[in-house]
Amino acid sequence: MEIVLAVLIVAIVVWFVSVPLRRTSEQEAAATQRIEDSRVANLEAAKEAKYREIRDTELDREQGKLSQEDWTRQDAELRRDAVKILKELDEAKADAGRGVPAER
């Protein structure tokens, strides 16, 4: 009886220790997907922040805090940055859909 209990304990320990070695490709794909999801989430947050900056700049112009010339320059720069973020976001979503790992 003691031998059976000892063998059972050793088998459980071996199984528990070998779990990381038995990782499947599905689990690796899921880990990659989580990385992609965080990339998309970061880009979504950047997009919202940029939109907020554009709205704030428009409000400053309406309140007279910015001249038309300053607003035009600043608005063009902010919108250029927003377009860049949107392109990156589209690429990240396309990569996530294909299961392409994130670039670092």
C-alpha atoms as a PDB file:
ATOM      1  CA  MET A   1       0.000   0.000   0.000  1.00  0.00           C
ATOM      2  CA  GLU A   2       2.824   2.411   0.823  1.00  0.00           C
ATOM      3  CA  ILE A   3       4.505   1.666  -2.501  1.00  0.00           C
ATOM      4  CA  VAL A   4       1.325   2.450  -4.446  1.00  0.00           C
ATOM      5  CA  LEU A   5       0.931   5.733  -2.545  1.00  0.00           C
ATOM      6  CA  ALA A   6       4.586   6.669  -3.213  1.00  0.00           C
ATOM      7  CA  VAL A   7       4.232   5.895  -6.943  1.00  0.00           C
ATOM      8  CA  LEU A   8       1.038   7.938  -7.101  1.00  0.00           C
ATOM      9  CA  ILE A   9       2.694  10.934  -5.406  1.00  0.00           C
ATOM     10  CA  VAL A  10       5.712  10.724  -7.753  1.00  0.00           C
ATOM     11  CA  ALA A  11       3.406  10.519 -10.787  1.00  0.00           C
ATOM     12  CA  ILE A  12       1.472  13.608  -9.665  1.00  0.00           C
ATOM     13  CA  VAL A  13       4.692  15.568  -9.066  1.00  0.00           C
ATOM     14  CA  VAL A  14       6.088  14.545 -12.483  1.00  0.00           C
ATOM     15  CA  TRP A  15       2.827  15.529 -14.200  1.00  0.00           C
ATOM     16  CA  PHE A  16       2.733  18.913 -12.432  1.00  0.00           C
ATOM     17  CA  VAL A  17       6.380  19.730 -13.169  1.00  0.00           C
ATOM     18  CA  SER A  18       6.088  18.747 -16.840  1.00  0.00           C
ATOM     19  CA  VAL A  19       3.052  20.954 -17.625  1.00  0.00           C
ATOM     20  CA  PRO A  20       5.159  23.805 -19.108  1.00  0.00           C
ATOM     21  CA  LEU A  21       6.984  21.312 -21.310  1.00  0.00           C
ATOM     22  CA  ARG A  22       3.714  19.996 -22.727  1.00  0.00           C
ATOM     23  CA  ARG A  23       2.506  23.329 -24.086  1.00  0.00           C
ATOM     24  CA  THR A  24       0.528  22.939 -27.282  1.00  0.00           C
ATOM     25  CA  SER A  25       0.571  25.140 -30.342  1.00  0.00           C
ATOM     26  CA  GLU A  26      -2.983  26.213 -29.480  1.00  0.00           C
ATOM     27  CA  GLN A  27      -1.780  27.567 -26.164  1.00  0.00           C
ATOM     28  CA  GLU A  28       1.094  29.362 -27.894  1.00  0.00           C
ATOM     29  CA  ALA A  29      -1.368  30.851 -30.404  1.00  0.00           C
ATOM     30  CA  ALA A  30      -3.577  31.989 -27.527  1.00  0.00           C
ATOM     31  CA  ALA A  31      -0.572  33.660 -25.871  1.00  0.00           C
ATOM     32  CA  THR A  32       0.244  35.428 -29.143  1.00  0.00           C
ATOM     33  CA  GLN A  33      -3.396  36.510 -29.440  1.00  0.00           C
ATOM     34  CA  ARG A  34      -3.264  38.079 -25.971  1.00  0.00           C
ATOM     35  CA  ILE A  35      -0.189  40.071 -27.050  1.00  0.00           C
ATOM     36  CA  GLU A  36      -2.028  41.220 -30.188  1.00  0.00           C
ATOM     37  CA  ASP A  37      -5.084  42.116 -28.141  1.00  0.00           C
ATOM     38  CA  SER A  38      -2.971  44.356 -25.926  1.00  0.00           C
ATOM     39  CA  ARG A  39      -1.422  45.998 -29.013  1.00  0.00           C
ATOM     40  CA  VAL A  40      -4.893  46.717 -30.409  1.00  0.00           C
ATOM     41  CA  ALA A  41      -6.058  47.997 -27.014  1.00  0.00           C
ATOM     42  CA  ASN A  42      -3.066  50.345 -26.759  1.00  0.00           C
ATOM     43  CA  LEU A  43      -3.726  51.704 -30.249  1.00  0.00           C
ATOM     44  CA  GLU A  44      -7.433  52.161 -29.451  1.00  0.00           C
ATOM     45  CA  ALA A  45      -6.455  54.162 -26.355  1.00  0.00           C
ATOM     46  CA  ALA A  46      -4.034  56.267 -28.408  1.00  0.00           C
ATOM     47  CA  LYS A  47      -6.781  56.907 -30.978  1.00  0.00           C
ATOM     48  CA  GLU A  48      -9.224  58.099 -28.312  1.00  0.00           C
ATOM     49  CA  ALA A  49      -6.564  60.339 -26.761  1.00  0.00           C
ATOM     50  CA  LYS A  50      -5.792  61.879 -30.149  1.00  0.00           C
ATOM     51  CA  TYR A  51      -9.501  62.483 -30.822  1.00  0.00           C
ATOM     52  CA  ARG A  52      -9.748  64.167 -27.433  1.00  0.00           C
ATOM     53  CA  GLU A  53      -6.801  66.423 -28.338  1.00  0.00           C
ATOM     54  CA  ILE A  54      -8.497  67.393 -31.609  1.00  0.00           C
ATOM     55  CA  ARG A  55     -11.736  68.248 -29.785  1.00  0.00           C
ATOM     56  CA  ASP A  56      -9.835  70.253 -27.158  1.00  0.00           C
ATOM     57  CA  THR A  57      -8.026  72.210 -29.864  1.00  0.00           C
ATOM     58  CA  GLU A  58     -11.312  72.989 -31.611  1.00  0.00           C
ATOM     59  CA  LEU A  59     -12.780  74.152 -28.311  1.00  0.00           C
ATOM     60  CA  ASP A  60      -9.751  76.383 -27.675  1.00  0.00           C
ATOM     61  CA  ARG A  61     -10.228  77.966 -31.119  1.00  0.00           C
ATOM     62  CA  GLU A  62     -13.933  78.554 -30.470  1.00  0.00           C
ATOM     63  CA  GLN A  63     -13.150  80.187 -27.128  1.00  0.00           C
ATOM     64  CA  GLY A  64     -10.535  82.439 -28.708  1.00  0.00           C
ATOM     65  CA  LYS A  65      -7.545  80.840 -26.979  1.00  0.00           C
ATOM     66  CA  LEU A  66      -5.993  79.959 -30.346  1.00  0.00           C
ATOM     67  CA  SER A  67      -5.713  82.096 -33.432  1.00  0.00           C
ATOM     68  CA  GLN A  68      -7.028  80.657 -36.697  1.00  0.00           C
ATOM     69  CA  GLU A  69      -3.460  80.279 -37.975  1.00  0.00           C
ATOM     70  CA  ASP A  70      -2.293  78.404 -34.851  1.00  0.00           C
ATOM     71  CA  TRP A  71      -5.380  76.225 -34.887  1.00  0.00           C
ATOM     72  CA  THR A  72      -4.908  75.346 -38.573  1.00  0.00           C
ATOM     73  CA  ARG A  73      -1.299  74.300 -37.977  1.00  0.00           C
ATOM     74  CA  GLN A  74      -2.086  72.359 -34.813  1.00  0.00           C
ATOM     75  CA  ASP A  75      -5.193  70.721 -36.276  1.00  0.00           C
ATOM     76  CA  ALA A  76      -3.273  69.506 -39.341  1.00  0.00           C
ATOM     77  CA  GLU A  77      -0.587  67.962 -37.132  1.00  0.00           C
ATOM     78  CA  LEU A  78      -3.095  66.274 -34.825  1.00  0.00           C
ATOM     79  CA  ARG A  79      -5.105  64.865 -37.720  1.00  0.00           C
ATOM     80  CA  ARG A  80      -1.927  63.591 -39.398  1.00  0.00           C
ATOM     81  CA  ASP A  81      -1.044  61.789 -36.145  1.00  0.00           C
ATOM     82  CA  ALA A  82      -4.601  60.408 -35.911  1.00  0.00           C
ATOM     83  CA  VAL A  83      -4.408  59.014 -39.452  1.00  0.00           C
ATOM     84  CA  LYS A  84      -1.107  57.321 -38.604  1.00  0.00           C
ATOM     85  CA  ILE A  85      -2.653  55.734 -35.501  1.00  0.00           C
ATOM     86  CA  LEU A  86      -5.683  54.568 -37.505  1.00  0.00           C
ATOM     87  CA  LYS A  87      -3.437  52.913 -40.106  1.00  0.00           C
ATOM     88  CA  GLU A  88      -1.450  51.147 -37.370  1.00  0.00           C
ATOM     89  CA  LEU A  89      -4.707  50.047 -35.756  1.00  0.00           C
ATOM     90  CA  ASP A  90      -5.988  48.627 -39.043  1.00  0.00           C
ATOM     91  CA  GLU A  91      -2.711  46.725 -39.516  1.00  0.00           C
ATOM     92  CA  ALA A  92      -2.819  45.406 -35.939  1.00  0.00           C
ATOM     93  CA  LYS A  93      -6.395  44.197 -36.367  1.00  0.00           C
ATOM     94  CA  ALA A  94      -5.535  42.547 -39.688  1.00  0.00           C
ATOM     95  CA  ASP A  95      -2.493  40.870 -38.140  1.00  0.00           C
ATOM     96  CA  ALA A  96      -4.579  39.683 -35.199  1.00  0.00           C
ATOM     97  CA  GLY A  97      -7.103  38.200 -37.616  1.00  0.00           C
ATOM     98  CA  ARG A  98      -4.360  36.285 -39.441  1.00  0.00           C
ATOM     99  CA  GLY A  99      -2.595  35.232 -36.243  1.00  0.00           C
ATOM    100  CA  VAL A 100       0.616  37.097 -37.100  1.00  0.00           C
ATOM    101  CA  PRO A 101       2.805  37.691 -34.044  1.00  0.00           C
ATOM    102  CA  ALA A 102       3.345  41.271 -32.872  1.00  0.00           C
ATOM    103  CA  GLU A 103       6.439  43.181 -33.928  1.00  0.00           C
ATOM    104  CA  ARG A 104       8.652  44.363 -31.125  1.00  0.00           C
END
